[in-house]
N, C-alpha and C. Protein backbone atom coordinates (compact mmCIF):
# COMPACT_ATOMS: atom_id res chain seq x y z
N MET A 1 44.65 -30.89 -18.28
CA MET A 1 45.02 -29.52 -17.96
C MET A 1 44.00 -28.95 -16.98
N PRO A 2 44.46 -28.58 -15.79
CA PRO A 2 43.55 -27.92 -14.85
C PRO A 2 43.05 -26.59 -15.44
N GLU A 3 41.78 -26.32 -15.29
CA GLU A 3 41.18 -25.11 -15.88
C GLU A 3 41.78 -23.82 -15.33
N ASP A 4 42.25 -23.85 -14.09
CA ASP A 4 42.75 -22.63 -13.46
C ASP A 4 44.27 -22.46 -13.58
N CYS A 5 44.93 -23.30 -14.35
CA CYS A 5 46.39 -23.22 -14.46
C CYS A 5 46.78 -22.14 -15.48
N ILE A 6 47.39 -21.08 -15.00
CA ILE A 6 47.78 -19.97 -15.86
C ILE A 6 48.83 -20.38 -16.88
N PHE A 7 49.75 -21.28 -16.50
CA PHE A 7 50.79 -21.70 -17.44
C PHE A 7 50.21 -22.56 -18.56
N CYS A 8 49.21 -23.38 -18.26
CA CYS A 8 48.53 -24.15 -19.31
C CYS A 8 47.82 -23.21 -20.28
N LYS A 9 47.22 -22.16 -19.74
CA LYS A 9 46.54 -21.18 -20.60
C LYS A 9 47.54 -20.46 -21.49
N ILE A 10 48.68 -20.09 -20.93
CA ILE A 10 49.71 -19.41 -21.72
C ILE A 10 50.24 -20.35 -22.81
N ALA A 11 50.47 -21.61 -22.46
CA ALA A 11 50.98 -22.59 -23.44
C ALA A 11 50.02 -22.78 -24.60
N ALA A 12 48.71 -22.70 -24.32
CA ALA A 12 47.69 -22.93 -25.34
C ALA A 12 47.38 -21.67 -26.15
N ASP A 13 47.80 -20.52 -25.65
CA ASP A 13 47.46 -19.24 -26.28
C ASP A 13 48.31 -18.98 -27.52
N THR A 14 47.66 -18.55 -28.59
CA THR A 14 48.36 -18.15 -29.80
C THR A 14 47.77 -16.83 -30.26
N PRO A 15 48.50 -15.80 -30.55
CA PRO A 15 49.95 -15.74 -30.44
C PRO A 15 50.39 -15.64 -28.98
N ASN A 16 51.67 -15.81 -28.77
CA ASN A 16 52.19 -15.77 -27.40
C ASN A 16 53.39 -14.85 -27.32
N ASN A 17 53.88 -14.68 -26.11
CA ASN A 17 55.04 -13.82 -25.88
C ASN A 17 56.23 -14.63 -25.40
N PHE A 18 56.43 -15.81 -25.98
CA PHE A 18 57.56 -16.63 -25.58
C PHE A 18 58.87 -15.93 -25.96
N VAL A 19 59.84 -15.97 -25.07
CA VAL A 19 61.17 -15.45 -25.41
C VAL A 19 62.03 -16.56 -26.00
N ALA A 20 61.61 -17.81 -25.79
CA ALA A 20 62.28 -18.97 -26.39
C ALA A 20 61.29 -20.13 -26.34
N GLU A 21 61.52 -21.09 -27.23
CA GLU A 21 60.59 -22.22 -27.29
C GLU A 21 61.30 -23.44 -27.85
N SER A 22 60.91 -24.61 -27.34
CA SER A 22 61.37 -25.88 -27.88
C SER A 22 60.13 -26.73 -28.13
N GLU A 23 60.33 -27.97 -28.51
CA GLU A 23 59.19 -28.83 -28.80
C GLU A 23 58.27 -29.01 -27.59
N LYS A 24 58.84 -29.13 -26.40
CA LYS A 24 58.05 -29.47 -25.22
C LYS A 24 58.08 -28.41 -24.12
N ALA A 25 58.72 -27.27 -24.36
CA ALA A 25 58.83 -26.24 -23.32
C ALA A 25 58.84 -24.85 -23.95
N PHE A 26 58.58 -23.86 -23.10
CA PHE A 26 58.65 -22.47 -23.54
C PHE A 26 59.20 -21.62 -22.41
N ALA A 27 59.66 -20.43 -22.77
CA ALA A 27 60.22 -19.51 -21.78
C ALA A 27 59.53 -18.15 -21.91
N ILE A 28 59.21 -17.58 -20.76
CA ILE A 28 58.60 -16.25 -20.71
C ILE A 28 59.31 -15.43 -19.64
N LEU A 29 59.26 -14.12 -19.79
CA LEU A 29 59.80 -13.26 -18.74
C LEU A 29 58.89 -13.31 -17.53
N ASP A 30 59.48 -13.32 -16.35
CA ASP A 30 58.71 -13.32 -15.11
C ASP A 30 57.99 -11.98 -14.96
N ILE A 31 56.72 -12.01 -14.53
CA ILE A 31 55.97 -10.75 -14.39
C ILE A 31 56.37 -9.96 -13.15
N LYS A 32 57.07 -10.61 -12.22
CA LYS A 32 57.61 -9.93 -11.03
C LYS A 32 59.08 -10.29 -10.90
N PRO A 33 59.91 -9.78 -11.81
CA PRO A 33 61.31 -10.22 -11.85
C PRO A 33 62.11 -9.80 -10.62
N ILE A 34 62.97 -10.71 -10.20
CA ILE A 34 63.89 -10.43 -9.10
C ILE A 34 65.06 -9.61 -9.63
N THR A 35 65.50 -9.93 -10.85
CA THR A 35 66.56 -9.18 -11.52
C THR A 35 66.19 -9.00 -12.99
N LYS A 36 66.91 -8.13 -13.66
CA LYS A 36 66.71 -7.91 -15.09
C LYS A 36 66.96 -9.24 -15.83
N GLY A 37 66.00 -9.65 -16.65
CA GLY A 37 66.13 -10.88 -17.42
C GLY A 37 65.58 -12.13 -16.76
N HIS A 38 65.04 -12.00 -15.54
CA HIS A 38 64.46 -13.15 -14.82
C HIS A 38 63.42 -13.82 -15.72
N THR A 39 63.67 -15.08 -16.04
CA THR A 39 62.86 -15.83 -17.00
C THR A 39 62.34 -17.12 -16.38
N LEU A 40 61.16 -17.55 -16.81
CA LEU A 40 60.59 -18.83 -16.40
C LEU A 40 60.61 -19.78 -17.58
N VAL A 41 61.07 -21.00 -17.35
CA VAL A 41 61.05 -22.05 -18.37
C VAL A 41 60.03 -23.09 -17.91
N ILE A 42 59.08 -23.40 -18.79
CA ILE A 42 57.87 -24.13 -18.41
C ILE A 42 57.57 -25.23 -19.43
N PRO A 43 57.27 -26.45 -18.96
CA PRO A 43 56.85 -27.47 -19.93
C PRO A 43 55.47 -27.14 -20.49
N LYS A 44 55.26 -27.49 -21.77
CA LYS A 44 53.97 -27.21 -22.41
C LYS A 44 52.86 -28.10 -21.88
N LYS A 45 53.21 -29.26 -21.36
CA LYS A 45 52.23 -30.17 -20.76
C LYS A 45 52.21 -29.94 -19.25
N HIS A 46 51.05 -30.09 -18.64
CA HIS A 46 50.91 -29.83 -17.21
C HIS A 46 51.53 -30.95 -16.37
N PHE A 47 52.47 -30.56 -15.52
CA PHE A 47 53.03 -31.42 -14.49
C PHE A 47 53.08 -30.57 -13.23
N ALA A 48 52.57 -31.08 -12.12
CA ALA A 48 52.50 -30.29 -10.89
C ALA A 48 53.88 -29.92 -10.36
N ASN A 49 54.85 -30.81 -10.50
CA ASN A 49 56.19 -30.53 -9.99
C ASN A 49 57.21 -31.43 -10.68
N LEU A 50 58.46 -31.23 -10.37
CA LEU A 50 59.55 -31.96 -11.00
C LEU A 50 59.44 -33.46 -10.79
N SER A 51 59.01 -33.89 -9.62
CA SER A 51 58.96 -35.31 -9.27
C SER A 51 58.05 -36.13 -10.17
N VAL A 52 57.04 -35.50 -10.75
CA VAL A 52 56.07 -36.23 -11.58
C VAL A 52 56.21 -35.89 -13.07
N THR A 53 57.22 -35.12 -13.42
CA THR A 53 57.41 -34.69 -14.81
C THR A 53 58.04 -35.81 -15.63
N ASP A 54 57.47 -36.07 -16.80
CA ASP A 54 58.06 -37.04 -17.72
C ASP A 54 59.48 -36.61 -18.08
N ASP A 55 60.37 -37.59 -18.17
CA ASP A 55 61.78 -37.28 -18.43
C ASP A 55 62.01 -36.50 -19.71
N ASP A 56 61.25 -36.81 -20.77
CA ASP A 56 61.47 -36.09 -22.03
C ASP A 56 61.10 -34.62 -21.90
N TYR A 57 60.07 -34.31 -21.12
CA TYR A 57 59.70 -32.91 -20.88
C TYR A 57 60.74 -32.23 -19.99
N LEU A 58 61.19 -32.95 -18.97
CA LEU A 58 62.18 -32.39 -18.05
C LEU A 58 63.48 -32.07 -18.80
N LYS A 59 63.87 -32.96 -19.68
CA LYS A 59 65.08 -32.71 -20.48
C LYS A 59 64.91 -31.45 -21.31
N ASP A 60 63.76 -31.28 -21.94
CA ASP A 60 63.52 -30.10 -22.76
C ASP A 60 63.57 -28.82 -21.92
N VAL A 61 63.02 -28.87 -20.71
CA VAL A 61 63.04 -27.71 -19.82
C VAL A 61 64.49 -27.33 -19.49
N ILE A 62 65.30 -28.32 -19.15
CA ILE A 62 66.69 -28.05 -18.76
C ILE A 62 67.49 -27.51 -19.94
N VAL A 63 67.35 -28.13 -21.10
CA VAL A 63 68.09 -27.68 -22.28
C VAL A 63 67.65 -26.27 -22.67
N LEU A 64 66.35 -25.99 -22.60
CA LEU A 64 65.87 -24.64 -22.93
C LEU A 64 66.37 -23.62 -21.91
N ALA A 65 66.43 -23.99 -20.64
CA ALA A 65 66.97 -23.08 -19.61
C ALA A 65 68.42 -22.73 -19.92
N LYS A 66 69.18 -23.71 -20.37
CA LYS A 66 70.58 -23.47 -20.75
C LYS A 66 70.65 -22.49 -21.92
N GLN A 67 69.78 -22.67 -22.91
CA GLN A 67 69.76 -21.77 -24.07
C GLN A 67 69.35 -20.35 -23.66
N VAL A 68 68.36 -20.25 -22.78
CA VAL A 68 67.91 -18.95 -22.29
C VAL A 68 69.05 -18.23 -21.58
N ALA A 69 69.77 -18.95 -20.73
CA ALA A 69 70.89 -18.35 -20.00
C ALA A 69 71.95 -17.83 -20.98
N LYS A 70 72.22 -18.59 -22.02
CA LYS A 70 73.19 -18.17 -23.03
C LYS A 70 72.72 -16.89 -23.73
N GLN A 71 71.43 -16.85 -24.09
CA GLN A 71 70.88 -15.66 -24.74
C GLN A 71 70.94 -14.45 -23.81
N LEU A 72 70.61 -14.66 -22.54
CA LEU A 72 70.65 -13.56 -21.58
C LEU A 72 72.07 -13.03 -21.42
N LYS A 73 73.04 -13.93 -21.35
CA LYS A 73 74.44 -13.53 -21.20
C LYS A 73 74.89 -12.70 -22.40
N GLU A 74 74.41 -13.05 -23.60
CA GLU A 74 74.75 -12.27 -24.79
C GLU A 74 74.09 -10.89 -24.76
N MET A 75 72.85 -10.83 -24.25
CA MET A 75 72.13 -9.56 -24.17
C MET A 75 72.67 -8.66 -23.07
N TYR A 76 73.07 -9.27 -21.95
CA TYR A 76 73.54 -8.52 -20.78
C TYR A 76 74.91 -9.07 -20.37
N PRO A 77 75.98 -8.58 -20.99
CA PRO A 77 77.33 -9.11 -20.71
C PRO A 77 77.79 -8.94 -19.27
N ASP A 78 77.10 -8.08 -18.50
CA ASP A 78 77.50 -7.87 -17.11
C ASP A 78 76.97 -8.96 -16.17
N ILE A 79 76.25 -9.94 -16.69
CA ILE A 79 75.79 -11.06 -15.86
C ILE A 79 77.00 -11.85 -15.39
N LYS A 80 77.04 -12.13 -14.09
CA LYS A 80 78.16 -12.86 -13.48
C LYS A 80 77.84 -14.34 -13.27
N GLY A 81 76.56 -14.69 -13.22
CA GLY A 81 76.15 -16.07 -12.97
C GLY A 81 74.64 -16.17 -12.98
N PHE A 82 74.14 -17.36 -12.67
CA PHE A 82 72.69 -17.60 -12.67
C PHE A 82 72.29 -18.45 -11.48
N ASN A 83 71.07 -18.22 -11.00
CA ASN A 83 70.40 -19.15 -10.10
C ASN A 83 69.33 -19.84 -10.93
N TYR A 84 69.26 -21.16 -10.80
CA TYR A 84 68.20 -21.95 -11.41
C TYR A 84 67.39 -22.50 -10.24
N ILE A 85 66.12 -22.08 -10.14
CA ILE A 85 65.32 -22.40 -8.96
C ILE A 85 63.97 -22.96 -9.37
N SER A 86 63.55 -24.02 -8.67
CA SER A 86 62.20 -24.55 -8.84
C SER A 86 61.66 -24.94 -7.47
N ASN A 87 60.72 -24.16 -6.98
CA ASN A 87 60.09 -24.48 -5.70
C ASN A 87 59.13 -25.64 -5.91
N GLN A 88 59.20 -26.64 -5.04
CA GLN A 88 58.42 -27.86 -5.20
C GLN A 88 57.54 -28.08 -3.97
N GLY A 89 56.27 -27.75 -4.07
CA GLY A 89 55.33 -27.95 -2.97
C GLY A 89 55.02 -26.68 -2.22
N LYS A 90 53.87 -26.69 -1.58
CA LYS A 90 53.38 -25.53 -0.83
C LYS A 90 54.38 -25.07 0.23
N GLU A 91 54.95 -26.05 0.95
CA GLU A 91 55.90 -25.71 2.03
C GLU A 91 57.18 -25.08 1.49
N ALA A 92 57.49 -25.34 0.23
CA ALA A 92 58.68 -24.77 -0.40
C ALA A 92 58.35 -23.47 -1.14
N LYS A 93 57.14 -22.95 -0.89
CA LYS A 93 56.69 -21.68 -1.47
C LYS A 93 56.33 -21.78 -2.95
N GLN A 94 55.97 -22.99 -3.43
CA GLN A 94 55.46 -23.09 -4.79
C GLN A 94 54.08 -22.44 -4.82
N VAL A 95 53.86 -21.53 -5.76
CA VAL A 95 52.60 -20.79 -5.86
C VAL A 95 51.77 -21.28 -7.03
N ILE A 96 52.41 -21.51 -8.16
CA ILE A 96 51.72 -22.04 -9.34
C ILE A 96 52.11 -23.51 -9.45
N PHE A 97 51.13 -24.38 -9.36
CA PHE A 97 51.40 -25.82 -9.31
C PHE A 97 51.46 -26.43 -10.71
N HIS A 98 52.37 -25.87 -11.49
CA HIS A 98 52.76 -26.35 -12.82
C HIS A 98 54.26 -26.15 -12.83
N LEU A 99 55.01 -27.22 -13.02
CA LEU A 99 56.46 -27.12 -12.97
C LEU A 99 56.96 -25.91 -13.76
N HIS A 100 57.86 -25.16 -13.16
CA HIS A 100 58.54 -24.08 -13.86
C HIS A 100 59.89 -23.86 -13.21
N LEU A 101 60.85 -23.53 -14.04
CA LEU A 101 62.21 -23.31 -13.59
C LEU A 101 62.54 -21.83 -13.77
N HIS A 102 62.90 -21.19 -12.67
CA HIS A 102 63.32 -19.79 -12.72
C HIS A 102 64.78 -19.74 -13.18
N VAL A 103 65.06 -18.91 -14.16
CA VAL A 103 66.43 -18.63 -14.58
C VAL A 103 66.67 -17.18 -14.16
N ILE A 104 67.47 -17.01 -13.11
CA ILE A 104 67.64 -15.69 -12.50
C ILE A 104 69.09 -15.23 -12.67
N PRO A 105 69.30 -14.22 -13.53
CA PRO A 105 70.65 -13.70 -13.71
C PRO A 105 71.15 -13.01 -12.43
N LYS A 106 72.42 -13.15 -12.17
CA LYS A 106 73.07 -12.48 -11.04
C LYS A 106 74.11 -11.52 -11.61
N TYR A 107 74.04 -10.27 -11.16
CA TYR A 107 74.93 -9.22 -11.67
C TYR A 107 75.97 -8.84 -10.64
């Protein structure tokens, strides 16, 4: 775990503010949301990006993102769809180099 990784620190912190959690991943609300309910789904183990993420962690991230979207749709019935986004690399505007998947509701 890189010492300066904010997501590793959040994963290790107890208590936490997870909105959802699985064995290998957790979800938190984005601190600068694009839309109401904008959530980040993050593996508990540090992986810089999707390309190097272990398959079992990646599966947990995807399944948890699906569950988060379902919960958001129940909370906000006016949601029309979702964007699932993961920027990979500096050139793609990745800012935090710990894999995370944005679940962005579209109204």
